[in-house]
Amino acid sequence: MTQRTFRIIVRGSFDALTDGQRAELLAEAAEHDVLTAAFTEEGHLSYDLAARPFFTFRVLEHGEREEDIAAATVRAETAAELWLTDRGYGYKNLRSTAQDLSLAPLGARQKRERGN
C-alpha cells in the first residue's frame, strides 16, 4: 500500500488566560504568525491574539488507507491539547477538519508538471 498524507487543522479558542499568559503569547506572536503557518508532523500553532482569541493548530499525519484519517484526526487533536496543556493555556471549542492529499484535486502547476 502507498502511504497517504493527511493535513489536519484543529481550531479552537483560548480560554481563561491570565494576564501573564496573554503577555507571553503576545511576546511570541511572531513565531506563531498566520502568514508563517505550516503543516508539520509535530504540529504548528498560529494565532493573532491581539485581534481575536482563536488559534489554529496544523498537523501533518500519515496513513495507508482512507479510513486512517479518523485516527489521524484524533492524534492531531490530542497533539493540540497536549501542546496547550503543557504550556498551561486554557482552551475550548476544539473542532477539526482533515484533508487526504491523495484525494485533493491537482492545481494548475501540478497538472502541467504531470503533462510533461
Protein backbone atom coordinates (compact mmCIF):
# COMPACT_ATOMS: atom_id res chain seq x y z
CA MET A 1 0.00 0.00 0.00
CA THR A 2 1.07 3.54 -0.58
CA GLN A 3 1.32 5.99 2.23
CA ARG A 4 -1.28 8.75 2.32
CA THR A 5 -0.65 12.20 3.71
CA PHE A 6 -3.33 13.96 5.75
CA ARG A 7 -3.46 17.66 6.56
CA ILE A 8 -5.40 18.24 9.74
CA ILE A 9 -6.48 21.59 11.13
CA VAL A 10 -7.57 21.79 14.76
CA ARG A 11 -9.30 25.07 15.58
CA GLY A 12 -10.30 26.43 18.95
CA SER A 13 -10.14 29.41 21.21
CA PHE A 14 -8.02 30.27 24.18
CA ASP A 15 -9.95 30.22 27.44
CA ALA A 16 -9.38 31.94 30.78
CA LEU A 17 -5.87 33.15 30.02
CA THR A 18 -4.14 35.01 32.81
CA ASP A 19 -2.58 38.40 32.11
CA GLY A 20 0.83 36.71 32.21
CA GLN A 21 -0.17 34.03 29.70
CA ARG A 22 -1.66 36.63 27.40
CA ALA A 23 1.54 38.69 27.59
CA GLU A 24 3.62 35.57 26.90
CA LEU A 25 1.55 34.66 23.84
CA LEU A 26 1.72 38.22 22.54
CA ALA A 27 5.51 38.25 23.00
CA GLU A 28 5.79 35.02 20.97
CA ALA A 29 3.27 36.09 18.34
CA ALA A 30 5.87 36.43 15.56
CA GLU A 31 6.71 32.72 15.91
CA HIS A 32 3.02 31.85 15.56
CA ASP A 33 2.02 34.28 12.83
CA VAL A 34 -0.69 33.11 10.46
CA LEU A 35 1.48 34.06 7.47
CA THR A 36 4.16 31.56 8.50
CA ALA A 37 1.75 28.77 9.39
CA ALA A 38 2.77 25.33 8.16
CA PHE A 39 1.64 21.74 8.42
CA THR A 40 4.25 19.83 10.42
CA GLU A 41 4.37 16.40 11.99
CA GLU A 42 4.80 17.86 15.48
CA GLY A 43 2.10 20.47 14.87
CA HIS A 44 2.24 24.22 14.40
CA LEU A 45 0.15 26.70 16.38
CA SER A 46 -0.84 30.01 14.80
CA TYR A 47 -2.90 32.84 16.23
CA ASP A 48 -3.43 36.59 16.23
CA LEU A 49 -4.30 37.12 19.86
CA ALA A 50 -4.25 40.91 19.51
CA ALA A 51 -7.21 40.62 17.13
CA ARG A 52 -9.16 37.65 18.50
CA PRO A 53 -8.83 34.72 20.94
CA PHE A 54 -8.82 31.95 18.30
CA PHE A 55 -5.99 29.62 17.29
CA THR A 56 -5.28 27.06 14.60
CA PHE A 57 -3.07 24.01 15.12
CA ARG A 58 -1.88 22.43 11.85
CA VAL A 59 -0.66 18.83 11.79
CA LEU A 60 0.71 16.61 9.05
CA GLU A 61 -0.26 12.96 9.61
CA HIS A 62 0.09 9.77 7.58
CA GLY A 63 -1.83 6.57 6.99
CA GLU A 64 -2.19 3.77 4.48
CA ARG A 65 -5.95 3.78 3.90
CA GLU A 66 -8.59 6.44 3.55
CA GLU A 67 -10.13 5.16 6.79
CA ASP A 68 -6.94 6.06 8.68
CA ILE A 69 -7.91 9.72 8.54
CA ALA A 70 -10.23 9.34 11.56
CA ALA A 71 -7.42 8.04 13.79
CA ALA A 72 -5.07 10.69 12.41
CA THR A 73 -7.59 13.38 13.35
CA VAL A 74 -7.77 12.07 16.92
CA ARG A 75 -3.95 12.11 17.12
CA ALA A 76 -3.90 15.70 15.84
CA GLU A 77 -6.48 16.83 18.39
CA THR A 78 -4.51 15.10 21.14
CA ALA A 79 -1.31 16.82 19.97
CA ALA A 80 -3.06 20.21 20.09
CA GLU A 81 -4.43 19.51 23.57
CA LEU A 82 -1.01 18.42 24.82
CA TRP A 83 0.73 21.45 23.29
CA LEU A 84 -1.70 23.81 25.01
CA THR A 85 -1.90 21.91 28.30
CA ASP A 86 1.87 21.53 28.63
CA ARG A 87 2.12 25.32 28.49
CA GLY A 88 -0.79 25.85 30.84
CA TYR A 89 -3.06 27.52 28.28
CA GLY A 90 -6.78 27.00 28.67
CA TYR A 91 -8.78 26.25 25.53
CA LYS A 92 -12.31 25.44 24.42
CA ASN A 93 -14.42 24.55 21.41
CA LEU A 94 -11.92 22.33 19.60
CA ARG A 95 -13.05 21.19 16.17
CA SER A 96 -11.09 19.59 13.37
CA THR A 97 -11.07 19.29 9.62
CA ALA A 98 -8.91 16.87 7.70
CA GLN A 99 -7.88 16.52 4.09
CA ASP A 100 -6.45 13.43 2.43
CA LEU A 101 -3.97 14.88 -0.05
CA SER A 102 -4.21 11.81 -2.27
CA LEU A 103 -7.82 12.81 -2.96
CA ALA A 104 -7.17 16.53 -3.41
CA PRO A 105 -7.60 17.93 -6.93
CA LEU A 106 -4.43 18.86 -8.75
CA GLY A 107 -3.55 22.52 -9.11
CA ALA A 108 -2.72 24.07 -12.48
CA ARG A 109 1.05 23.75 -11.93
CA GLN A 110 0.73 20.11 -10.89
CA LYS A 111 -1.33 19.38 -14.00
CA ARG A 112 1.33 20.98 -16.20
CA GLU A 113 4.10 19.04 -14.47
CA ARG A 114 2.28 15.72 -14.92
CA GLY A 115 1.66 16.52 -18.56
CA ASN A 116 5.40 16.85 -19.24
